[in-house]
Protein backbone atom coordinates (compact mmCIF):
# COMPACT_ATOMS: atom_id res chain seq x y z
CA MET A 1 -64.58 -190.01 -280.11
CA LEU A 2 -64.60 -187.00 -282.75
CA THR A 3 -63.94 -189.92 -285.37
CA ASP A 4 -67.80 -190.30 -285.74
CA ARG A 5 -68.62 -187.07 -286.02
CA ASN A 6 -69.45 -185.00 -289.16
CA SER A 7 -67.08 -182.04 -289.95
CA SER A 8 -66.37 -180.20 -293.25
CA ALA A 9 -63.32 -177.85 -292.91
CA ILE A 10 -59.83 -177.18 -294.08
CA VAL A 11 -57.43 -175.62 -291.21
CA ALA A 12 -54.33 -173.58 -291.22
CA VAL A 13 -51.49 -174.13 -289.08
CA LYS A 14 -47.94 -173.02 -288.61
CA ASP A 15 -46.29 -176.26 -287.85
CA VAL A 16 -47.86 -179.28 -289.05
CA ASP A 17 -46.04 -181.84 -286.85
CA ARG A 18 -47.35 -180.12 -283.72
CA ALA A 19 -50.75 -180.06 -285.35
CA ARG A 20 -50.59 -183.79 -286.37
CA THR A 21 -49.76 -184.34 -282.73
CA PHE A 22 -52.97 -182.49 -281.50
CA TYR A 23 -55.49 -183.50 -284.09
CA ARG A 24 -54.39 -187.05 -284.05
CA ASP A 25 -53.43 -187.68 -280.10
CA THR A 26 -55.81 -184.93 -278.38
CA LEU A 27 -58.82 -185.03 -280.59
CA GLY A 28 -58.51 -188.91 -281.91
CA LEU A 29 -59.00 -188.08 -285.52
CA ALA A 30 -57.67 -190.93 -288.00
CA ILE A 31 -54.76 -189.67 -290.32
CA VAL A 32 -55.87 -191.08 -293.88
CA ALA A 33 -53.03 -189.10 -295.78
CA ASP A 34 -50.04 -187.39 -294.97
CA THR A 35 -48.33 -185.74 -297.84
CA GLU A 36 -46.59 -182.90 -298.49
CA GLY A 37 -47.22 -180.63 -295.29
CA VAL A 38 -51.09 -181.15 -295.77
CA LEU A 39 -53.12 -183.87 -293.39
CA THR A 40 -56.51 -185.18 -294.03
CA LEU A 41 -58.04 -186.73 -291.32
CA ARG A 42 -61.06 -188.54 -290.94
CA THR A 43 -63.98 -186.76 -288.78
CA GLY A 44 -67.38 -188.65 -289.45
CA THR A 45 -68.08 -189.52 -293.05
CA THR A 46 -66.07 -186.61 -294.03
CA PHE A 47 -62.55 -185.42 -293.77
CA LEU A 48 -60.78 -182.43 -292.03
CA ASN A 49 -57.43 -181.04 -294.03
CA VAL A 50 -55.02 -179.61 -292.40
CA TYR A 51 -52.23 -177.47 -294.01
CA ARG A 52 -49.22 -175.16 -293.14
CA SER A 53 -49.88 -171.42 -293.40
CA ASP A 54 -48.35 -168.22 -292.06
CA GLU A 55 -51.99 -166.71 -291.10
CA ALA A 56 -52.96 -169.74 -289.08
CA GLY A 57 -55.08 -168.95 -286.16
CA THR A 58 -55.79 -165.53 -287.50
CA ASN A 59 -59.07 -166.30 -287.84
CA CYS A 60 -61.62 -165.25 -284.86
CA ALA A 61 -64.58 -167.43 -285.57
CA ASN A 62 -65.30 -170.86 -285.93
CA ALA A 63 -62.96 -173.14 -287.40
CA VAL A 64 -64.75 -176.57 -287.54
CA VAL A 65 -67.90 -177.62 -285.66
CA TRP A 66 -68.84 -181.54 -284.69
CA ASP A 67 -72.54 -182.57 -284.19
CA CYS A 68 -71.91 -184.87 -280.82
CA GLY A 69 -75.14 -185.73 -280.00
CA GLU A 70 -76.05 -187.40 -276.87
CA ALA A 71 -72.30 -188.29 -276.51
CA PHE A 72 -71.39 -184.60 -275.55
CA ASP A 73 -70.99 -184.52 -272.22
CA ALA A 74 -68.61 -187.72 -272.27
CA ILE A 75 -66.56 -185.87 -275.17
CA VAL A 76 -66.14 -183.13 -273.01
CA ALA A 77 -64.88 -184.76 -270.10
CA GLU A 78 -62.47 -186.92 -272.69
CA LEU A 79 -61.28 -183.71 -274.29
CA LYS A 80 -60.66 -181.97 -270.69
CA SER A 81 -58.77 -185.20 -269.40
CA ARG A 82 -56.58 -185.04 -272.58
CA GLY A 83 -55.54 -181.26 -271.40
CA VAL A 84 -57.94 -179.42 -273.77
CA ALA A 85 -59.10 -175.86 -272.02
CA PHE A 86 -62.41 -174.82 -273.30
CA GLU A 87 -63.19 -171.10 -273.70
CA ASP A 88 -65.34 -169.34 -271.62
CA TYR A 89 -66.64 -166.29 -273.48
CA GLY A 90 -68.79 -164.73 -271.10
CA THR A 91 -72.71 -163.91 -271.40
CA MET A 92 -74.14 -165.76 -274.69
CA ASP A 93 -77.65 -164.69 -275.14
CA GLY A 94 -80.01 -167.33 -273.97
CA MET A 95 -77.19 -169.39 -272.93
CA LYS A 96 -75.76 -170.28 -269.40
CA PHE A 97 -72.15 -171.02 -268.98
CA ASP A 98 -71.86 -174.37 -266.81
CA GLY A 99 -68.55 -176.04 -266.26
CA ASP A 100 -66.92 -176.44 -269.90
CA ALA A 101 -70.06 -175.65 -272.06
CA TYR A 102 -72.69 -173.39 -272.63
CA ARG A 103 -76.36 -174.74 -272.21
CA THR A 104 -79.67 -173.88 -273.17
CA ASP A 105 -82.82 -176.22 -273.25
CA GLY A 106 -81.57 -179.43 -274.36
CA PHE A 107 -78.84 -177.86 -276.36
CA ALA A 108 -75.00 -177.64 -275.35
CA ALA A 109 -72.15 -176.09 -276.94
CA ALA A 110 -68.27 -175.48 -276.20
CA TRP A 111 -65.40 -173.92 -277.79
CA PHE A 112 -61.74 -174.93 -277.38
CA LYS A 113 -58.52 -173.94 -279.65
CA ASP A 114 -55.81 -176.07 -281.10
CA PRO A 115 -52.43 -174.73 -280.69
CA ASP A 116 -52.34 -172.12 -283.55
CA GLY A 117 -55.34 -170.53 -282.02
CA ASN A 118 -58.01 -171.85 -284.32
CA ILE A 119 -61.43 -172.36 -282.84
CA LEU A 120 -62.90 -175.84 -282.40
CA HIS A 121 -66.82 -176.20 -281.47
CA ILE A 122 -68.69 -179.32 -280.47
CA ASN A 123 -72.42 -179.18 -279.78
CA SER A 124 -74.73 -181.61 -278.66
CA GLY A 125 -77.09 -181.13 -281.70
CA MET A 126 -78.49 -178.73 -284.60
């Protein structure tokens, strides 16, 4: 699912064990290293690092974005089946909220949060 998608990010969490379950089991990312409270997960050709911080979840902007291309709708459906709740941010300039995603002329985007409230974003291509 997201294993083939490119990202480049570091995400702070309050509970590394809870994050391990979410990022590995819910998002389907492979853990390539788990040392001293830092998880390194493969995502596409890059890695996502997850570490413990008391400041976790305080960012009100995107923490990670994945370009899902034509697999966007299938990935949204799979994430939803795994219990992911997608965000509805109301009106977005030029985009219409349709189901779990925002859409406009051949582009789609969806946002969801990890257990610490970090905002994660997937889209159908840049």
